[in-house]
Amino acid sequence: MRSVSLRWNKLFLFLGLIRSRQSCSPTYILPELAFSNLVQREFRRSERSGHFCRVLLIYRTNTQGHGVPLSVELADKTISLLFHSCRDTDYIGWYRQGRILGVLLTTLQRESVVDGCQTLQARLADRLRDAFTFTDARFLQIHVLDPGELTTFNPSGHSPSSPVLKD
């Protein structure tokens, strides 16, 4: 049963990768399972190759700081902005379906990991701030995590250290 499941996972991953590179349409992002598999494989590959990778997460919180689903409009606009802000070597997908969008930032150079991630984070925050109303943008959060942080990440328990709009 496990081998059948692995084959299906690989098929969905392959189809997602093809679709994500065929078009910049927001409908062609990786589904949660394919994105998770890709992230795990890239983390292992980057360890072996000496390159770094990170995962950028964008999600919405409510006034109490708990993660809430993105509305369809909010998700579509965010995905569109991500497609125009990320490199061709990065992959966009659902980290948690309907709640958290993820961007796998691949092949980062050792010297530029921190600066590159901070630059992307600031650029996305600016674009999201310009694209949304104050109310929508106020509760959007952006975090860049390394492989170790991703396994323990919980949007409700994570301090909103990088909101799109700062109070």
N, C-alpha and C. Protein backbone atom coordinates (compact mmCIF):
# COMPACT_ATOMS: atom_id res chain seq x y z
N MET A 1 0.82 -1.20 0.00
CA MET A 1 0.00 0.00 0.00
C MET A 1 0.86 1.26 0.00
N ARG A 2 1.97 1.22 0.75
CA ARG A 2 2.85 2.38 0.84
C ARG A 2 3.45 2.73 -0.51
N SER A 3 3.83 1.74 -1.32
CA SER A 3 4.42 2.02 -2.63
C SER A 3 3.41 2.65 -3.57
N VAL A 4 2.15 2.23 -3.47
CA VAL A 4 1.10 2.84 -4.30
C VAL A 4 0.92 4.30 -3.90
N SER A 5 0.91 4.54 -2.59
CA SER A 5 0.78 5.91 -2.10
C SER A 5 1.95 6.78 -2.55
N LEU A 6 3.16 6.23 -2.47
CA LEU A 6 4.34 6.99 -2.92
C LEU A 6 4.28 7.28 -4.41
N ARG A 7 3.81 6.33 -5.19
CA ARG A 7 3.69 6.56 -6.65
C ARG A 7 2.70 7.69 -6.93
N TRP A 8 1.56 7.68 -6.25
CA TRP A 8 0.57 8.74 -6.44
C TRP A 8 1.14 10.08 -6.02
N ASN A 9 1.86 10.11 -4.89
CA ASN A 9 2.47 11.36 -4.43
C ASN A 9 3.44 11.89 -5.47
N LYS A 10 4.26 11.01 -6.03
CA LYS A 10 5.22 11.44 -7.06
C LYS A 10 4.51 11.93 -8.31
N LEU A 11 3.42 11.25 -8.69
CA LEU A 11 2.66 11.68 -9.86
C LEU A 11 2.08 13.07 -9.65
N PHE A 12 1.46 13.30 -8.48
CA PHE A 12 0.90 14.63 -8.19
C PHE A 12 1.99 15.69 -8.13
N LEU A 13 3.13 15.33 -7.56
CA LEU A 13 4.25 16.27 -7.50
C LEU A 13 4.71 16.62 -8.91
N PHE A 14 4.86 15.62 -9.76
CA PHE A 14 5.29 15.84 -11.14
C PHE A 14 4.30 16.73 -11.88
N LEU A 15 3.01 16.41 -11.77
CA LEU A 15 1.99 17.21 -12.44
C LEU A 15 1.97 18.64 -11.91
N GLY A 16 2.14 18.80 -10.62
CA GLY A 16 2.18 20.13 -10.03
C GLY A 16 3.36 20.93 -10.52
N LEU A 17 4.52 20.28 -10.63
CA LEU A 17 5.72 20.97 -11.11
C LEU A 17 5.55 21.41 -12.56
N ILE A 18 4.99 20.54 -13.37
CA ILE A 18 4.76 20.91 -14.78
C ILE A 18 3.79 22.08 -14.85
N ARG A 19 2.69 21.99 -14.14
CA ARG A 19 1.69 23.06 -14.18
C ARG A 19 2.25 24.37 -13.66
N SER A 20 3.03 24.30 -12.58
CA SER A 20 3.53 25.55 -11.99
C SER A 20 4.48 26.27 -12.93
N ARG A 21 5.11 25.57 -13.81
CA ARG A 21 6.05 26.20 -14.74
C ARG A 21 5.42 26.52 -16.09
N GLN A 22 4.23 25.98 -16.37
CA GLN A 22 3.58 26.24 -17.65
C GLN A 22 2.91 27.61 -17.70
N SER A 23 2.49 28.08 -16.57
CA SER A 23 1.68 29.29 -16.57
C SER A 23 1.87 30.05 -15.27
N CYS A 24 1.66 31.34 -15.34
CA CYS A 24 1.71 32.15 -14.12
C CYS A 24 0.32 32.34 -13.54
N SER A 25 -0.59 31.51 -13.96
CA SER A 25 -1.95 31.59 -13.44
C SER A 25 -2.00 31.11 -12.00
N PRO A 26 -2.71 31.82 -11.13
CA PRO A 26 -2.81 31.40 -9.74
C PRO A 26 -3.41 30.01 -9.55
N THR A 27 -4.08 29.46 -10.56
CA THR A 27 -4.65 28.13 -10.40
C THR A 27 -3.58 27.05 -10.47
N TYR A 28 -2.37 27.38 -10.86
CA TYR A 28 -1.32 26.38 -11.02
C TYR A 28 -0.29 26.47 -9.90
N ILE A 29 -0.77 26.33 -8.69
CA ILE A 29 0.16 26.24 -7.57
C ILE A 29 0.11 24.80 -7.07
N LEU A 30 1.15 24.41 -6.36
CA LEU A 30 1.23 23.04 -5.88
C LEU A 30 0.22 22.79 -4.77
N PRO A 31 -0.47 21.65 -4.84
CA PRO A 31 -1.35 21.30 -3.73
C PRO A 31 -0.52 20.94 -2.50
N GLU A 32 -1.16 20.88 -1.35
CA GLU A 32 -0.47 20.70 -0.08
C GLU A 32 0.45 19.48 -0.04
N LEU A 33 -0.01 18.33 -0.46
CA LEU A 33 0.80 17.12 -0.40
C LEU A 33 2.02 17.22 -1.30
N ALA A 34 1.82 17.69 -2.52
CA ALA A 34 2.94 17.83 -3.46
C ALA A 34 3.94 18.87 -2.95
N PHE A 35 3.45 19.96 -2.41
CA PHE A 35 4.35 20.99 -1.88
C PHE A 35 5.16 20.46 -0.70
N SER A 36 4.50 19.75 0.22
CA SER A 36 5.20 19.17 1.37
C SER A 36 6.28 18.19 0.94
N ASN A 37 5.96 17.34 -0.03
CA ASN A 37 6.95 16.39 -0.54
C ASN A 37 8.13 17.11 -1.18
N LEU A 38 7.84 18.13 -1.95
CA LEU A 38 8.90 18.90 -2.60
C LEU A 38 9.79 19.58 -1.57
N VAL A 39 9.20 20.15 -0.55
CA VAL A 39 9.96 20.82 0.51
C VAL A 39 10.89 19.83 1.19
N GLN A 40 10.38 18.67 1.55
CA GLN A 40 11.22 17.67 2.23
C GLN A 40 12.37 17.20 1.34
N ARG A 41 12.08 16.96 0.07
CA ARG A 41 13.15 16.54 -0.86
C ARG A 41 14.18 17.64 -1.04
N GLU A 42 13.74 18.88 -1.16
CA GLU A 42 14.67 19.99 -1.36
C GLU A 42 15.53 20.21 -0.12
N PHE A 43 14.95 20.06 1.05
CA PHE A 43 15.74 20.19 2.28
C PHE A 43 16.85 19.15 2.31
N ARG A 44 16.53 17.91 1.96
CA ARG A 44 17.55 16.85 1.94
C ARG A 44 18.60 17.13 0.87
N ARG A 45 18.15 17.55 -0.32
CA ARG A 45 19.09 17.83 -1.41
C ARG A 45 20.00 19.00 -1.06
N SER A 46 19.44 20.03 -0.45
CA SER A 46 20.25 21.20 -0.12
C SER A 46 21.30 20.87 0.94
N GLU A 47 20.97 19.98 1.86
CA GLU A 47 21.97 19.54 2.85
C GLU A 47 23.15 18.87 2.17
N ARG A 48 22.86 18.01 1.19
CA ARG A 48 23.93 17.30 0.49
C ARG A 48 24.75 18.22 -0.40
N SER A 49 24.10 19.18 -1.04
CA SER A 49 24.79 20.03 -2.02
C SER A 49 25.51 21.22 -1.41
N GLY A 50 25.16 21.57 -0.19
CA GLY A 50 25.78 22.73 0.44
C GLY A 50 25.06 24.04 0.13
N HIS A 51 24.00 23.99 -0.68
CA HIS A 51 23.17 25.17 -0.91
C HIS A 51 22.13 25.24 0.19
N PHE A 52 21.54 26.38 0.34
CA PHE A 52 20.53 26.56 1.37
C PHE A 52 19.18 26.74 0.73
N CYS A 53 18.15 26.39 1.46
CA CYS A 53 16.79 26.70 1.03
C CYS A 53 16.01 27.10 2.27
N ARG A 54 14.97 27.84 2.05
CA ARG A 54 14.09 28.29 3.11
C ARG A 54 12.66 28.21 2.60
N VAL A 55 11.71 28.31 3.52
CA VAL A 55 10.31 28.35 3.14
C VAL A 55 9.72 29.64 3.69
N LEU A 56 9.13 30.40 2.80
CA LEU A 56 8.44 31.63 3.17
C LEU A 56 6.96 31.28 3.31
N LEU A 57 6.36 31.66 4.41
CA LEU A 57 4.95 31.38 4.65
C LEU A 57 4.18 32.69 4.77
N ILE A 58 3.02 32.71 4.13
CA ILE A 58 2.12 33.86 4.23
C ILE A 58 0.78 33.33 4.72
N TYR A 59 0.29 33.96 5.77
CA TYR A 59 -0.98 33.53 6.33
C TYR A 59 -1.67 34.72 6.97
N ARG A 60 -2.91 34.49 7.35
CA ARG A 60 -3.72 35.55 7.94
C ARG A 60 -4.07 35.16 9.37
N THR A 61 -4.08 36.14 10.25
CA THR A 61 -4.49 35.91 11.64
C THR A 61 -5.71 36.76 11.96
N ASN A 62 -6.39 36.39 13.01
CA ASN A 62 -7.50 37.22 13.49
C ASN A 62 -6.97 38.14 14.58
N THR A 63 -7.84 38.87 15.23
CA THR A 63 -7.41 39.84 16.24
C THR A 63 -6.75 39.19 17.45
N GLN A 64 -7.05 37.92 17.69
CA GLN A 64 -6.42 37.20 18.80
C GLN A 64 -5.09 36.56 18.40
N GLY A 65 -4.71 36.67 17.13
CA GLY A 65 -3.45 36.10 16.68
C GLY A 65 -3.53 34.66 16.21
N HIS A 66 -4.74 34.12 16.08
CA HIS A 66 -4.91 32.74 15.61
C HIS A 66 -4.98 32.72 14.08
N GLY A 67 -4.38 31.70 13.47
CA GLY A 67 -4.42 31.56 12.03
C GLY A 67 -5.84 31.29 11.55
N VAL A 68 -6.24 31.99 10.51
CA VAL A 68 -7.57 31.81 9.92
C VAL A 68 -7.43 31.60 8.42
N PRO A 69 -8.40 30.94 7.79
CA PRO A 69 -8.32 30.72 6.34
C PRO A 69 -8.28 32.02 5.56
N LEU A 70 -7.57 31.99 4.44
CA LEU A 70 -7.57 33.12 3.52
C LEU A 70 -8.86 33.09 2.72
N SER A 71 -9.45 34.24 2.49
CA SER A 71 -10.60 34.29 1.61
C SER A 71 -10.12 34.00 0.19
N VAL A 72 -11.02 33.65 -0.69
CA VAL A 72 -10.67 33.35 -2.07
C VAL A 72 -10.00 34.56 -2.72
N GLU A 73 -10.58 35.73 -2.52
CA GLU A 73 -10.02 36.96 -3.10
C GLU A 73 -8.62 37.24 -2.57
N LEU A 74 -8.45 37.12 -1.27
CA LEU A 74 -7.16 37.36 -0.65
C LEU A 74 -6.12 36.35 -1.14
N ALA A 75 -6.51 35.08 -1.23
CA ALA A 75 -5.59 34.05 -1.71
C ALA A 75 -5.20 34.29 -3.16
N ASP A 76 -6.16 34.60 -4.02
CA ASP A 76 -5.87 34.83 -5.44
C ASP A 76 -4.91 36.00 -5.64
N LYS A 77 -5.16 37.11 -4.95
CA LYS A 77 -4.28 38.27 -5.09
C LYS A 77 -2.89 37.97 -4.56
N THR A 78 -2.82 37.27 -3.43
CA THR A 78 -1.53 36.94 -2.84
C THR A 78 -0.74 36.02 -3.75
N ILE A 79 -1.40 35.02 -4.30
CA ILE A 79 -0.72 34.08 -5.21
C ILE A 79 -0.22 34.82 -6.44
N SER A 80 -1.03 35.70 -6.99
CA SER A 80 -0.61 36.48 -8.14
C SER A 80 0.63 37.32 -7.82
N LEU A 81 0.63 37.96 -6.66
CA LEU A 81 1.79 38.75 -6.25
C LEU A 81 3.03 37.87 -6.06
N LEU A 82 2.82 36.67 -5.53
CA LEU A 82 3.94 35.75 -5.34
C LEU A 82 4.56 35.35 -6.68
N PHE A 83 3.71 35.07 -7.67
CA PHE A 83 4.23 34.69 -8.98
C PHE A 83 5.07 35.80 -9.61
N HIS A 84 4.74 37.03 -9.29
CA HIS A 84 5.48 38.15 -9.86
C HIS A 84 6.66 38.60 -9.00
N SER A 85 6.78 38.03 -7.80
CA SER A 85 7.84 38.44 -6.89
C SER A 85 8.94 37.39 -6.71
N CYS A 86 8.66 36.17 -7.08
CA CYS A 86 9.61 35.08 -6.83
C CYS A 86 10.41 34.75 -8.08
N ARG A 87 11.50 34.03 -7.85
CA ARG A 87 12.38 33.62 -8.95
C ARG A 87 11.82 32.38 -9.64
N ASP A 88 12.34 32.07 -10.80
CA ASP A 88 11.92 30.87 -11.53
C ASP A 88 12.30 29.59 -10.79
N THR A 89 13.28 29.66 -9.91
CA THR A 89 13.72 28.48 -9.18
C THR A 89 12.93 28.25 -7.89
N ASP A 90 12.01 29.14 -7.56
CA ASP A 90 11.20 29.01 -6.36
C ASP A 90 9.86 28.37 -6.72
N TYR A 91 9.27 27.68 -5.75
CA TYR A 91 8.00 26.99 -5.98
C TYR A 91 6.96 27.49 -5.00
N ILE A 92 5.75 27.71 -5.52
CA ILE A 92 4.65 28.23 -4.72
C ILE A 92 3.64 27.10 -4.52
N GLY A 93 3.17 26.95 -3.29
CA GLY A 93 2.19 25.91 -3.02
C GLY A 93 1.48 26.17 -1.70
N TRP A 94 0.54 25.31 -1.42
CA TRP A 94 -0.18 25.39 -0.17
C TRP A 94 0.58 24.61 0.89
N TYR A 95 0.98 25.29 1.95
CA TYR A 95 1.62 24.62 3.08
C TYR A 95 0.52 23.98 3.94
N ARG A 96 -0.52 24.73 4.16
CA ARG A 96 -1.74 24.20 4.78
C ARG A 96 -2.90 24.75 3.97
N GLN A 97 -3.64 23.84 3.38
CA GLN A 97 -4.70 24.20 2.44
C GLN A 97 -5.67 25.23 3.01
N GLY A 98 -5.79 26.34 2.32
CA GLY A 98 -6.73 27.36 2.70
C GLY A 98 -6.27 28.28 3.81
N ARG A 99 -5.18 27.94 4.47
CA ARG A 99 -4.73 28.74 5.60
C ARG A 99 -3.36 29.37 5.38
N ILE A 100 -2.44 28.60 4.84
CA ILE A 100 -1.07 29.09 4.72
C ILE A 100 -0.53 28.82 3.32
N LEU A 101 -0.06 29.87 2.67
CA LEU A 101 0.62 29.74 1.39
C LEU A 101 2.11 29.64 1.65
N GLY A 102 2.80 28.82 0.88
CA GLY A 102 4.23 28.66 1.06
C GLY A 102 4.98 28.92 -0.22
N VAL A 103 6.21 29.39 -0.07
CA VAL A 103 7.12 29.55 -1.21
C VAL A 103 8.41 28.84 -0.81
N LEU A 104 8.78 27.84 -1.59
CA LEU A 104 10.04 27.16 -1.37
C LEU A 104 11.13 27.97 -2.07
N LEU A 105 12.00 28.57 -1.30
CA LEU A 105 13.10 29.39 -1.84
C LEU A 105 14.31 28.47 -1.98
N THR A 106 14.62 28.12 -3.20
CA THR A 106 15.68 27.14 -3.45
C THR A 106 17.00 27.80 -3.82
N THR A 107 18.04 27.00 -3.80
CA THR A 107 19.39 27.38 -4.23
C THR A 107 19.84 28.75 -3.74
N LEU A 108 19.76 28.95 -2.45
CA LEU A 108 20.24 30.19 -1.86
C LEU A 108 21.73 30.05 -1.56
N GLN A 109 22.48 31.08 -1.85
CA GLN A 109 23.91 31.07 -1.57
C GLN A 109 24.15 31.36 -0.10
N ARG A 110 25.14 30.72 0.46
CA ARG A 110 25.45 30.85 1.89
C ARG A 110 25.56 32.32 2.32
N GLU A 111 26.23 33.14 1.51
CA GLU A 111 26.46 34.54 1.86
C GLU A 111 25.20 35.39 1.80
N SER A 112 24.21 34.96 1.04
CA SER A 112 23.06 35.83 0.80
C SER A 112 21.75 35.31 1.38
N VAL A 113 21.78 34.27 2.19
CA VAL A 113 20.54 33.70 2.72
C VAL A 113 19.75 34.74 3.51
N VAL A 114 20.37 35.34 4.48
CA VAL A 114 19.65 36.28 5.35
C VAL A 114 19.24 37.52 4.58
N ASP A 115 20.16 38.14 3.85
CA ASP A 115 19.84 39.35 3.09
C ASP A 115 18.79 39.10 2.03
N GLY A 116 18.93 38.01 1.30
CA GLY A 116 17.97 37.69 0.24
C GLY A 116 16.58 37.45 0.78
N CYS A 117 16.47 36.72 1.87
CA CYS A 117 15.17 36.45 2.47
C CYS A 117 14.54 37.72 3.04
N GLN A 118 15.34 38.56 3.68
CA GLN A 118 14.82 39.82 4.22
C GLN A 118 14.35 40.75 3.10
N THR A 119 15.10 40.78 2.00
CA THR A 119 14.72 41.61 0.86
C THR A 119 13.40 41.15 0.27
N LEU A 120 13.26 39.84 0.07
CA LEU A 120 12.02 39.29 -0.47
C LEU A 120 10.85 39.56 0.49
N GLN A 121 11.08 39.36 1.75
CA GLN A 121 10.05 39.59 2.76
C GLN A 121 9.58 41.05 2.71
N ALA A 122 10.50 41.99 2.64
CA ALA A 122 10.15 43.42 2.59
C ALA A 122 9.43 43.76 1.29
N ARG A 123 9.90 43.21 0.17
CA ARG A 123 9.26 43.47 -1.12
C ARG A 123 7.83 42.94 -1.13
N LEU A 124 7.64 41.73 -0.61
CA LEU A 124 6.29 41.17 -0.56
C LEU A 124 5.39 41.98 0.36
N ALA A 125 5.90 42.39 1.50
CA ALA A 125 5.11 43.20 2.43
C ALA A 125 4.66 44.49 1.76
N ASP A 126 5.56 45.15 1.03
CA ASP A 126 5.21 46.39 0.31
C ASP A 126 4.12 46.13 -0.72
N ARG A 127 4.28 45.07 -1.50
CA ARG A 127 3.31 44.76 -2.56
C ARG A 127 1.95 44.36 -1.97
N LEU A 128 1.97 43.60 -0.90
CA LEU A 128 0.71 43.21 -0.26
C LEU A 128 0.02 44.42 0.35
N ARG A 129 0.79 45.30 0.95
CA ARG A 129 0.24 46.52 1.55
C ARG A 129 -0.43 47.37 0.46
N ASP A 130 0.19 47.45 -0.72
CA ASP A 130 -0.38 48.23 -1.82
C ASP A 130 -1.60 47.56 -2.44
N ALA A 131 -1.67 46.23 -2.39
CA ALA A 131 -2.73 45.50 -3.07
C ALA A 131 -4.01 45.35 -2.26
N PHE A 132 -3.90 45.46 -0.93
CA PHE A 132 -5.06 45.19 -0.08
C PHE A 132 -5.47 46.41 0.72
N THR A 133 -6.69 46.31 1.22
CA THR A 133 -7.17 47.36 2.12
C THR A 133 -6.39 47.25 3.43
N PHE A 134 -6.45 48.30 4.21
CA PHE A 134 -5.76 48.30 5.50
C PHE A 134 -6.20 47.12 6.36
N THR A 135 -7.50 46.84 6.39
CA THR A 135 -8.03 45.76 7.23
C THR A 135 -7.48 44.41 6.80
N ASP A 136 -7.46 44.12 5.50
CA ASP A 136 -6.94 42.84 5.02
C ASP A 136 -5.44 42.72 5.26
N ALA A 137 -4.71 43.76 4.94
CA ALA A 137 -3.25 43.71 5.06
C ALA A 137 -2.79 43.67 6.51
N ARG A 138 -3.56 44.24 7.39
CA ARG A 138 -3.16 44.32 8.79
C ARG A 138 -2.94 42.95 9.44
N PHE A 139 -3.70 41.96 9.01
CA PHE A 139 -3.61 40.66 9.63
C PHE A 139 -2.84 39.62 8.81
N LEU A 140 -2.21 40.05 7.72
CA LEU A 140 -1.37 39.13 6.95
C LEU A 140 0.01 39.05 7.60
N GLN A 141 0.54 37.86 7.68
CA GLN A 141 1.85 37.63 8.29
C GLN A 141 2.77 36.98 7.26
N ILE A 142 4.03 37.32 7.31
CA ILE A 142 5.04 36.72 6.44
C ILE A 142 6.18 36.24 7.33
N HIS A 143 6.54 34.99 7.19
CA HIS A 143 7.67 34.43 7.94
C HIS A 143 8.53 33.61 7.00
N VAL A 144 9.83 33.70 7.18
CA VAL A 144 10.78 32.85 6.46
C VAL A 144 11.38 31.90 7.48
N LEU A 145 11.24 30.62 7.21
CA LEU A 145 11.68 29.60 8.16
C LEU A 145 12.75 28.70 7.55
N ASP A 146 13.64 28.22 8.39
CA ASP A 146 14.61 27.24 7.94
C ASP A 146 14.01 25.85 8.17
N PRO A 147 14.65 24.81 7.67
CA PRO A 147 14.07 23.46 7.77
C PRO A 147 13.70 23.05 9.20
N GLY A 148 14.52 23.37 10.17
CA GLY A 148 14.23 22.99 11.55
C GLY A 148 13.01 23.69 12.12
N GLU A 149 12.80 24.92 11.76
CA GLU A 149 11.67 25.69 12.27
C GLU A 149 10.35 25.26 11.65
N LEU A 150 10.39 24.77 10.42
CA LEU A 150 9.17 24.43 9.70
C LEU A 150 8.40 23.30 10.39
N THR A 151 9.10 22.33 10.93
CA THR A 151 8.42 21.19 11.54
C THR A 151 7.66 21.57 12.80
N THR A 152 8.06 22.63 13.47
CA THR A 152 7.40 23.03 14.70
C THR A 152 6.55 24.30 14.54
N PHE A 153 6.41 24.79 13.33
CA PHE A 153 5.70 26.05 13.10
C PHE A 153 4.22 25.89 13.38
N ASN A 154 3.67 26.84 14.12
CA ASN A 154 2.25 26.90 14.41
C ASN A 154 1.85 28.37 14.31
N PRO A 155 1.03 28.74 13.32
CA PRO A 155 0.71 30.16 13.15
C PRO A 155 0.02 30.78 14.36
N SER A 156 -0.74 30.01 15.09
CA SER A 156 -1.43 30.56 16.26
C SER A 156 -0.46 30.82 17.39
N GLY A 157 0.58 30.00 17.49
CA GLY A 157 1.52 30.16 18.57
C GLY A 157 2.74 30.96 18.19
N HIS A 158 2.81 31.38 16.94
CA HIS A 158 3.99 32.10 16.45
C HIS A 158 3.77 33.59 16.62
N SER A 159 4.74 34.26 17.16
CA SER A 159 4.58 35.70 17.35
C SER A 159 4.55 36.39 16.00
N PRO A 160 3.66 37.33 15.81
CA PRO A 160 3.58 38.03 14.53
C PRO A 160 4.71 39.04 14.38
N SER A 161 5.93 38.52 14.22
CA SER A 161 7.09 39.40 14.15
C SER A 161 7.21 40.11 12.80
N SER A 162 6.51 39.63 11.82
CA SER A 162 6.62 40.28 10.52
C SER A 162 5.26 40.49 9.86
N PRO A 163 4.38 41.25 10.51
CA PRO A 163 3.11 41.54 9.85
C PRO A 163 3.35 42.44 8.65
N VAL A 164 2.45 42.36 7.69
CA VAL A 164 2.56 43.22 6.51
C VAL A 164 2.45 44.69 6.94
N LEU A 165 1.51 44.97 7.82
CA LEU A 165 1.37 46.32 8.37
C LEU A 165 1.73 46.27 9.84
N LYS A 166 2.61 47.12 10.24
CA LYS A 166 2.97 47.20 11.66
C LYS A 166 2.10 48.23 12.34
N ASP A 167 1.64 47.91 13.53
CA ASP A 167 0.77 48.85 14.28
C ASP A 167 1.53 50.07 14.71
